[in-house]
Protein backbone atom coordinates (compact mmCIF):
# COMPACT_ATOMS: atom_id res chain seq x y z
CA MET A 1 -62.36 77.06 -51.32
CA LEU A 2 -58.63 77.69 -51.44
CA ASN A 3 -58.08 75.15 -48.66
CA ARG A 4 -59.62 72.39 -50.76
CA LEU A 5 -57.29 73.27 -53.63
CA THR A 6 -54.16 73.29 -51.50
CA ASP A 7 -54.86 70.44 -49.05
CA ASN A 8 -54.39 67.72 -51.64
CA LEU A 9 -51.32 69.44 -53.04
CA ASN A 10 -49.84 69.77 -49.54
CA PHE A 11 -50.39 66.06 -48.91
CA GLN A 12 -48.69 65.12 -52.18
CA THR A 13 -45.83 67.51 -51.43
CA GLN A 14 -45.27 65.83 -48.06
CA ALA A 15 -45.35 62.42 -49.74
CA LEU A 16 -42.83 63.57 -52.35
CA THR A 17 -40.49 64.91 -49.65
CA LEU A 18 -40.70 61.64 -47.72
CA ARG A 19 -40.11 59.60 -50.89
CA ALA A 20 -36.97 61.66 -51.56
CA GLU A 21 -35.78 61.08 -47.99
CA ARG A 22 -36.42 57.34 -48.30
CA GLN A 23 -34.52 57.27 -51.60
CA ARG A 24 -31.56 59.00 -49.92
CA LEU A 25 -31.66 56.47 -47.08
CA LEU A 26 -31.82 53.48 -49.46
CA ALA A 27 -28.92 54.90 -51.49
CA SER A 28 -26.94 55.22 -48.25
CA ASN A 29 -27.67 51.58 -47.44
CA ILE A 30 -26.50 50.48 -50.89
CA ALA A 31 -23.37 52.62 -50.66
CA ASN A 32 -22.47 51.01 -47.32
CA ALA A 33 -23.10 47.42 -48.44
CA ASP A 34 -19.42 46.55 -47.93
CA THR A 35 -18.88 48.53 -44.72
CA PRO A 36 -18.23 46.15 -41.81
CA GLY A 37 -20.75 46.57 -38.99
CA TYR A 38 -23.06 48.88 -40.94
CA GLN A 39 -26.73 48.32 -40.16
CA ALA A 40 -29.27 49.14 -42.87
CA ARG A 41 -31.83 51.83 -42.03
CA GLU A 42 -35.45 51.98 -43.18
CA ILE A 43 -38.43 54.31 -42.93
CA ASP A 44 -41.97 53.23 -42.07
CA PHE A 45 -43.38 55.36 -44.89
CA ALA A 46 -47.04 55.17 -43.88
CA ARG A 47 -46.31 56.19 -40.30
CA ALA A 48 -43.92 58.95 -41.41
CA LEU A 49 -46.58 60.34 -43.77
CA ARG A 50 -49.21 60.33 -41.01
CA GLU A 51 -46.76 62.18 -38.73
CA ALA A 52 -45.83 64.69 -41.43
CA THR A 53 -49.46 65.49 -42.26
CA GLY A 54 -50.39 65.83 -38.59
CA GLU A 55 -52.70 62.79 -38.42
CA LEU A 56 -50.39 61.15 -35.92
CA GLY A 57 -48.46 62.89 -33.18
CA THR A 58 -44.70 62.89 -33.42
CA PRO A 59 -43.19 60.90 -30.54
CA GLY A 60 -41.35 63.16 -28.12
CA ALA A 61 -42.55 66.26 -29.92
CA LEU A 62 -42.43 69.59 -28.18
CA ALA A 63 -45.51 71.75 -28.18
CA THR A 64 -45.33 74.98 -30.16
CA THR A 65 -47.27 77.39 -28.01
CA GLN A 66 -46.41 80.61 -29.83
CA ARG A 67 -46.16 81.64 -33.44
CA GLY A 68 -42.36 82.05 -33.42
CA HIS A 69 -41.63 78.55 -32.10
CA LEU A 70 -39.98 76.12 -34.44
CA ALA A 71 -41.93 72.95 -35.14
CA PRO A 72 -40.06 69.68 -34.63
CA LEU A 73 -39.10 67.61 -37.64
CA ALA A 74 -41.90 65.20 -38.45
CA GLY A 75 -42.00 61.93 -40.26
CA ALA A 76 -38.79 60.48 -41.63
CA ARG A 77 -36.91 63.77 -41.36
CA GLY A 78 -36.57 63.33 -37.62
CA GLU A 79 -34.41 60.53 -36.21
CA SER A 80 -37.45 58.94 -34.56
CA GLY A 81 -38.84 58.02 -38.00
CA LYS A 82 -35.81 55.93 -38.96
CA GLN A 83 -35.54 52.31 -37.94
CA TYR A 84 -33.02 49.57 -38.44
CA ALA A 85 -34.03 47.15 -41.19
CA LEU A 86 -34.48 43.53 -40.20
CA GLN A 87 -31.65 41.30 -41.38
CA SER A 88 -32.66 38.42 -43.62
CA GLN A 89 -29.36 36.65 -43.05
CA THR A 90 -26.30 37.20 -40.93
CA ALA A 91 -23.00 38.28 -42.44
CA MET A 92 -19.48 37.50 -41.29
CA ASP A 93 -18.66 41.22 -40.97
CA SER A 94 -21.97 42.07 -39.19
CA ASN A 95 -23.14 44.14 -42.15
CA GLY A 96 -26.95 44.30 -42.22
CA VAL A 97 -27.47 45.32 -45.87
CA ASP A 98 -29.36 42.85 -48.05
CA MET A 99 -28.55 44.10 -51.57
CA ASP A 100 -31.47 42.30 -53.22
CA ARG A 101 -33.96 43.89 -50.83
CA GLU A 102 -32.29 47.32 -51.10
CA ARG A 103 -32.30 47.29 -54.91
CA ALA A 104 -35.94 46.22 -55.02
CA SER A 105 -36.92 48.88 -52.47
CA PHE A 106 -34.91 51.50 -54.37
CA ALA A 107 -36.65 50.69 -57.68
CA ASP A 108 -40.10 50.55 -56.04
CA ASN A 109 -39.56 53.88 -54.30
CA ALA A 110 -38.29 55.48 -57.52
CA VAL A 111 -41.46 54.42 -59.37
CA LYS A 112 -43.66 55.77 -56.56
CA TYR A 113 -41.65 59.02 -56.47
CA GLU A 114 -42.21 59.47 -60.21
CA ALA A 115 -45.94 58.71 -59.83
CA THR A 116 -46.29 61.27 -57.03
CA LEU A 117 -44.43 63.85 -59.10
CA ARG A 118 -46.69 63.20 -62.10
CA PHE A 119 -49.76 63.50 -59.89
CA ILE A 120 -48.59 66.89 -58.59
CA ASN A 121 -47.84 68.08 -62.13
CA GLY A 122 -51.26 66.92 -63.33
CA SER A 123 -52.99 68.57 -60.39
CA VAL A 124 -51.24 71.89 -61.00
CA ARG A 125 -51.94 71.68 -64.74
CA THR A 126 -55.63 70.99 -64.09
CA THR A 127 -55.86 73.91 -61.67
CA LEU A 128 -54.17 76.26 -64.14
CA ASP A 129 -56.42 75.06 -66.98
CA SER A 130 -59.52 75.64 -64.87
CA MET A 131 -58.45 79.23 -64.22
CA LYS A 132 -58.10 80.02 -67.93
CA SER A 133 -60.84 81.87 -69.73
CA HIS A 134 -63.09 79.70 -71.85
CA ASN A 135 -62.22 81.96 -74.82
CA GLN A 136 -58.55 80.94 -74.74
CA ALA A 137 -57.48 77.95 -76.76
């Protein structure tokens, strides 16, 4: 019973963590828009989420055979989850940041981060309300 209550919350927590990591990466791309030779980085969010939740194996992952072993970083937190973004046009200074794409991705990710956060808050609120006595108002 407890597993059913926490599984959904764990999934949403992983999604929120990955959204925060993607937001950090997009902010880094925007901050380096004028840096010569900088190549924009991106995260395949769906793949990173599958890796983080254990649905998909992490490439190059080490097996944890005993309880004390540290698990490798999964999803976007490991370097294997980050990719170079495709350039839409070439720049004279070899900078690969497309500001229009980065701003749009930043805004989209911020909205999805907020939605995930609201879903977690609603889920916790619903769980707490269901544990209250029916006599309480």
